[in-house]
Amino acid sequence: RLLSSTLQFVSFSILLGSLTFWVGEGRGLAKMLFDFILTFSNYPKTIYTGGVRFMLFTLIPSGLIGAMPVDLLFDFSWSGLLLLLSASLVYCWIASKIFHIGLKRYLSGNRIGFRI
């Protein structure tokens, strides 16, 4: 559970850092989204419904960082643990891909070309 939360947290931080490849000064947006993940992961998942709940388990994975590991502490199941670890690995893979796409975009913009 700690491993999955750590993977989610680091992956989300990588995604936030990758924003600067597309948004010039993305530090303000990255800080706001980072605050979202800290704030929303402190509340139980039962207070969120519908689209907000979907967002908290996908786009901003605070549900995967805070609520799901706590649920596994109180009601452990191997399928829940496997789902949590799988979601963490998928999110880590997505963060890695987004970072590499942004890095290629950044590197191609810094090439110096000469026209003859």
C-alpha atoms as a PDB file:
ATOM      1  CA  ARG A   1       0.000   0.000   0.000  1.00  0.00           C
ATOM      2  CA  LEU A   2       2.832   2.367   0.788  1.00  0.00           C
ATOM      3  CA  LEU A   3       4.560   1.442  -2.469  1.00  0.00           C
ATOM      4  CA  SER A   4       1.451   2.157  -4.527  1.00  0.00           C
ATOM      5  CA  SER A   5       0.849   5.505  -2.823  1.00  0.00           C
ATOM      6  CA  THR A   6       4.461   6.471  -3.375  1.00  0.00           C
ATOM      7  CA  LEU A   7       4.285   5.492  -7.043  1.00  0.00           C
ATOM      8  CA  GLN A   8       1.114   7.516  -7.502  1.00  0.00           C
ATOM      9  CA  PHE A   9       2.555  10.540  -5.724  1.00  0.00           C
ATOM     10  CA  VAL A  10       5.804  10.491  -7.695  1.00  0.00           C
ATOM     11  CA  SER A  11       3.989   9.848 -10.988  1.00  0.00           C
ATOM     12  CA  PHE A  12       1.670  12.777 -10.411  1.00  0.00           C
ATOM     13  CA  SER A  13       4.662  14.968  -9.561  1.00  0.00           C
ATOM     14  CA  ILE A  14       6.318  13.914 -12.837  1.00  0.00           C
ATOM     15  CA  LEU A  15       3.144  14.782 -14.725  1.00  0.00           C
ATOM     16  CA  LEU A  16       3.029  18.189 -13.054  1.00  0.00           C
ATOM     17  CA  GLY A  17       6.656  18.800 -13.908  1.00  0.00           C
ATOM     18  CA  SER A  18       5.950  17.788 -17.498  1.00  0.00           C
ATOM     19  CA  LEU A  19       3.400  20.588 -17.784  1.00  0.00           C
ATOM     20  CA  THR A  20       6.236  23.020 -18.350  1.00  0.00           C
ATOM     21  CA  PHE A  21       6.947  21.368 -21.714  1.00  0.00           C
ATOM     22  CA  TRP A  22       3.587  22.613 -23.005  1.00  0.00           C
ATOM     23  CA  VAL A  23       2.737  25.538 -20.720  1.00  0.00           C
ATOM     24  CA  GLY A  24       5.468  28.151 -20.569  1.00  0.00           C
ATOM     25  CA  GLU A  25       5.357  29.092 -16.913  1.00  0.00           C
ATOM     26  CA  GLY A  26       3.440  26.141 -15.540  1.00  0.00           C
ATOM     27  CA  ARG A  27       4.716  26.408 -11.989  1.00  0.00           C
ATOM     28  CA  GLY A  28       1.575  28.113 -10.719  1.00  0.00           C
ATOM     29  CA  LEU A  29      -0.706  25.527 -12.302  1.00  0.00           C
ATOM     30  CA  ALA A  30       1.526  22.690 -11.098  1.00  0.00           C
ATOM     31  CA  LYS A  31       1.467  24.036  -7.532  1.00  0.00           C
ATOM     32  CA  MET A  32      -2.322  24.355  -7.589  1.00  0.00           C
ATOM     33  CA  LEU A  33      -2.762  20.785  -8.841  1.00  0.00           C
ATOM     34  CA  PHE A  34      -0.243  19.525  -6.288  1.00  0.00           C
ATOM     35  CA  ASP A  35      -2.274  21.224  -3.556  1.00  0.00           C
ATOM     36  CA  PHE A  36      -5.395  19.515  -4.955  1.00  0.00           C
ATOM     37  CA  ILE A  37      -3.849  16.097  -4.538  1.00  0.00           C
ATOM     38  CA  LEU A  38      -2.799  16.827  -0.966  1.00  0.00           C
ATOM     39  CA  THR A  39      -6.161  18.284  -0.028  1.00  0.00           C
ATOM     40  CA  PHE A  40      -8.393  15.681  -1.636  1.00  0.00           C
ATOM     41  CA  SER A  41      -6.368  12.700  -0.412  1.00  0.00           C
ATOM     42  CA  ASN A  42      -7.097  13.662   3.211  1.00  0.00           C
ATOM     43  CA  TYR A  43     -10.870  13.221   2.898  1.00  0.00           C
ATOM     44  CA  PRO A  44     -12.753   9.892   2.757  1.00  0.00           C
ATOM     45  CA  LYS A  45     -13.967   8.831  -0.661  1.00  0.00           C
ATOM     46  CA  THR A  46     -17.569   8.571   0.522  1.00  0.00           C
ATOM     47  CA  ILE A  47     -18.088  12.345   0.443  1.00  0.00           C
ATOM     48  CA  TYR A  48     -17.429  12.483  -3.311  1.00  0.00           C
ATOM     49  CA  THR A  49     -19.888  11.229  -5.927  1.00  0.00           C
ATOM     50  CA  GLY A  50     -20.247  11.077  -9.697  1.00  0.00           C
ATOM     51  CA  GLY A  51     -17.811  12.975 -11.851  1.00  0.00           C
ATOM     52  CA  VAL A  52     -15.786  14.310  -8.951  1.00  0.00           C
ATOM     53  CA  ARG A  53     -15.187  10.795  -7.664  1.00  0.00           C
ATOM     54  CA  PHE A  54     -14.180   9.640 -11.145  1.00  0.00           C
ATOM     55  CA  MET A  55     -11.751  12.568 -11.412  1.00  0.00           C
ATOM     56  CA  LEU A  56     -10.198  11.754  -8.026  1.00  0.00           C
ATOM     57  CA  PHE A  57      -9.404   8.205  -9.112  1.00  0.00           C
ATOM     58  CA  THR A  58      -8.105   9.057 -12.593  1.00  0.00           C
ATOM     59  CA  LEU A  59      -6.967  12.589 -13.445  1.00  0.00           C
ATOM     60  CA  ILE A  60      -5.977  13.618  -9.935  1.00  0.00           C
ATOM     61  CA  PRO A  61      -5.233  10.264  -8.277  1.00  0.00           C
ATOM     62  CA  SER A  62      -5.834  11.381  -4.720  1.00  0.00           C
ATOM     63  CA  GLY A  63      -8.308   8.529  -4.247  1.00  0.00           C
ATOM     64  CA  LEU A  64      -5.589   6.057  -5.161  1.00  0.00           C
ATOM     65  CA  ILE A  65      -3.139   7.752  -2.809  1.00  0.00           C
ATOM     66  CA  GLY A  66      -5.332   8.235   0.246  1.00  0.00           C
ATOM     67  CA  ALA A  67      -8.711   6.499   0.191  1.00  0.00           C
ATOM     68  CA  MET A  68      -7.996   3.157  -1.434  1.00  0.00           C
ATOM     69  CA  PRO A  69      -4.992   2.194   0.737  1.00  0.00           C
ATOM     70  CA  VAL A  70      -6.973   3.107   3.859  1.00  0.00           C
ATOM     71  CA  ASP A  71      -9.874   0.966   2.668  1.00  0.00           C
ATOM     72  CA  LEU A  72      -7.452  -1.924   2.246  1.00  0.00           C
ATOM     73  CA  LEU A  73      -6.280  -1.493   5.835  1.00  0.00           C
ATOM     74  CA  PHE A  74      -9.799  -1.963   7.170  1.00  0.00           C
ATOM     75  CA  ASP A  75     -11.095  -4.475   4.624  1.00  0.00           C
ATOM     76  CA  PHE A  76      -8.162  -6.258   2.993  1.00  0.00           C
ATOM     77  CA  SER A  77      -8.625  -8.199  -0.217  1.00  0.00           C
ATOM     78  CA  TRP A  78      -6.033  -9.501  -2.633  1.00  0.00           C
ATOM     79  CA  SER A  79      -8.079  -8.300  -5.587  1.00  0.00           C
ATOM     80  CA  GLY A  80      -8.196  -4.775  -4.129  1.00  0.00           C
ATOM     81  CA  LEU A  81      -4.447  -4.797  -3.579  1.00  0.00           C
ATOM     82  CA  LEU A  82      -3.853  -6.075  -7.106  1.00  0.00           C
ATOM     83  CA  LEU A  83      -6.155  -3.384  -8.505  1.00  0.00           C
ATOM     84  CA  LEU A  84      -4.357  -0.683  -6.522  1.00  0.00           C
ATOM     85  CA  LEU A  85      -0.890  -1.835  -7.605  1.00  0.00           C
ATOM     86  CA  SER A  86      -2.023  -2.196 -11.227  1.00  0.00           C
ATOM     87  CA  ALA A  87      -3.488   1.308 -11.252  1.00  0.00           C
ATOM     88  CA  SER A  88      -0.271   2.645  -9.742  1.00  0.00           C
ATOM     89  CA  LEU A  89       1.887   0.977 -12.368  1.00  0.00           C
ATOM     90  CA  VAL A  90      -0.352   2.173 -15.203  1.00  0.00           C
ATOM     91  CA  TYR A  91      -0.252   5.727 -13.849  1.00  0.00           C
ATOM     92  CA  CYS A  92       3.539   5.484 -13.528  1.00  0.00           C
ATOM     93  CA  TRP A  93       3.793   4.290 -17.142  1.00  0.00           C
ATOM     94  CA  ILE A  94       1.565   7.150 -18.357  1.00  0.00           C
ATOM     95  CA  ALA A  95       3.664   9.697 -16.457  1.00  0.00           C
ATOM     96  CA  SER A  96       6.825   8.278 -18.000  1.00  0.00           C
ATOM     97  CA  LYS A  97       5.384   8.436 -21.517  1.00  0.00           C
ATOM     98  CA  ILE A  98       4.101  11.996 -21.083  1.00  0.00           C
ATOM     99  CA  PHE A  99       7.502  13.068 -19.766  1.00  0.00           C
ATOM    100  CA  HIS A 100       9.350  11.506 -22.716  1.00  0.00           C
ATOM    101  CA  ILE A 101       6.939  13.051 -25.244  1.00  0.00           C
ATOM    102  CA  GLY A 102       7.450  16.454 -23.629  1.00  0.00           C
ATOM    103  CA  LEU A 103      11.196  15.965 -23.525  1.00  0.00           C
ATOM    104  CA  LYS A 104      11.309  15.151 -27.242  1.00  0.00           C
ATOM    105  CA  ARG A 105       9.247  18.261 -27.933  1.00  0.00           C
ATOM    106  CA  TYR A 106      11.618  20.342 -25.823  1.00  0.00           C
ATOM    107  CA  LEU A 107      14.737  18.931 -27.463  1.00  0.00           C
ATOM    108  CA  SER A 108      13.393  19.384 -30.997  1.00  0.00           C
ATOM    109  CA  GLY A 109      12.618  23.040 -30.229  1.00  0.00           C
ATOM    110  CA  ASN A 110      16.211  23.674 -29.195  1.00  0.00           C
ATOM    111  CA  ARG A 111      17.828  22.442 -32.399  1.00  0.00           C
ATOM    112  CA  ILE A 112      19.678  25.034 -34.371  1.00  0.00           C
ATOM    113  CA  GLY A 113      19.081  24.696 -38.058  1.00  0.00           C
ATOM    114  CA  PHE A 114      20.757  26.464 -40.937  1.00  0.00           C
ATOM    115  CA  ARG A 115      19.134  27.220 -44.274  1.00  0.00           C
ATOM    116  CA  ILE A 116      21.174  27.492 -47.379  1.00  0.00           C
END
